[in-house]
Amino acid sequence: MIREFNVVTGVETTRDYTTEELAEINDPVRVKEDTNANIRAQIMALESTITPRRLRDALLSGSMQFIQDVEDQIDALRSQL
């Protein structure tokens, strides 16, 4: 029995998986693809925080620290791909 939680509906369920389903779930290639997709989504979310307003504020204030912090986080995530 494996418990699953659907984050969209908020419903938790349990069900039995076949041996084939478990093999597919635990397939190292699939796990790596899922992990990479998650990392890419995190990178996209970080990139979206650098808005035109943030760029304008950075240029006017002379401090690029926020942008550098985001770039450092993105670099750390890219190194995990």
Protein backbone atom coordinates (compact mmCIF):
# COMPACT_ATOMS: atom_id res chain seq x y z
CA MET A 1 0.00 0.00 0.00
CA ILE A 2 1.31 3.42 -0.94
CA ARG A 3 -0.16 6.67 0.28
CA GLU A 4 -0.51 9.51 -2.19
CA PHE A 5 -1.43 13.11 -1.63
CA ASN A 6 -2.96 15.17 -4.42
CA VAL A 7 -1.77 18.73 -3.90
CA VAL A 8 -4.45 20.13 -6.20
CA THR A 9 -7.46 18.56 -4.51
CA GLY A 10 -5.95 18.09 -1.07
CA VAL A 11 -7.12 14.47 -1.02
CA GLU A 12 -4.97 11.69 0.37
CA THR A 13 -5.47 8.19 -1.02
CA THR A 14 -3.88 4.79 -0.66
CA ARG A 15 -3.60 2.16 -3.31
CA ASP A 16 -1.67 -0.94 -4.31
CA TYR A 17 0.76 -0.72 -7.19
CA THR A 18 1.70 -3.55 -9.51
CA THR A 19 5.33 -4.60 -9.75
CA GLU A 20 5.53 -2.98 -13.17
CA GLU A 21 4.15 0.32 -11.88
CA LEU A 22 6.64 0.34 -9.01
CA ALA A 23 9.50 -0.40 -11.41
CA GLU A 24 8.43 2.54 -13.57
CA ILE A 25 8.10 4.88 -10.57
CA ASN A 26 11.56 3.92 -9.31
CA ASP A 27 13.23 3.97 -12.75
CA PRO A 28 16.46 5.98 -12.30
CA VAL A 29 16.07 7.68 -15.68
CA ARG A 30 12.53 8.79 -14.84
CA VAL A 31 13.57 9.97 -11.39
CA LYS A 32 16.40 12.04 -12.93
CA GLU A 33 14.04 13.52 -15.54
CA ASP A 34 11.53 14.45 -12.83
CA THR A 35 14.27 15.98 -10.71
CA ASN A 36 15.60 18.00 -13.65
CA ALA A 37 12.10 19.21 -14.50
CA ASN A 38 11.68 20.37 -10.90
CA ILE A 39 15.02 22.19 -10.99
CA ARG A 40 14.12 23.88 -14.28
CA ALA A 41 10.82 25.02 -12.77
CA GLN A 42 12.68 26.51 -9.80
CA ILE A 43 15.04 28.32 -12.17
CA MET A 44 12.12 29.74 -14.13
CA ALA A 45 10.49 30.93 -10.91
CA LEU A 46 13.69 32.67 -9.84
CA GLU A 47 14.18 34.26 -13.25
CA SER A 48 10.66 35.65 -13.11
CA THR A 49 11.55 37.58 -9.95
CA ILE A 50 13.90 39.82 -11.95
CA THR A 51 11.18 42.08 -13.27
CA PRO A 52 11.58 45.37 -15.14
CA ARG A 53 10.76 47.14 -11.88
CA ARG A 54 13.54 45.27 -10.04
CA LEU A 55 15.99 46.11 -12.84
CA ARG A 56 14.99 49.78 -12.72
CA ASP A 57 15.35 49.87 -8.91
CA ALA A 58 18.77 48.21 -9.15
CA LEU A 59 19.99 50.67 -11.76
CA LEU A 60 18.67 53.72 -9.92
CA SER A 61 19.97 52.64 -6.53
CA GLY A 62 23.32 51.44 -7.86
CA SER A 63 22.96 48.16 -5.99
CA MET A 64 22.79 44.99 -8.02
CA GLN A 65 22.81 42.78 -4.91
CA PHE A 66 19.30 41.42 -5.41
CA ILE A 67 20.04 40.46 -9.00
CA GLN A 68 23.38 38.91 -8.00
CA ASP A 69 21.69 36.90 -5.24
CA VAL A 70 19.14 35.53 -7.73
CA GLU A 71 21.89 34.72 -10.23
CA ASP A 72 23.84 32.87 -7.52
CA GLN A 73 20.77 30.79 -6.69
CA ILE A 74 20.23 30.01 -10.37
CA ASP A 75 23.88 29.00 -10.78
CA ALA A 76 23.58 26.65 -7.79
CA LEU A 77 20.49 25.05 -9.30
CA ARG A 78 22.09 24.72 -12.74
CA SER A 79 25.03 22.91 -11.20
CA GLN A 80 22.55 20.23 -10.04
CA LEU A 81 21.35 19.51 -13.59
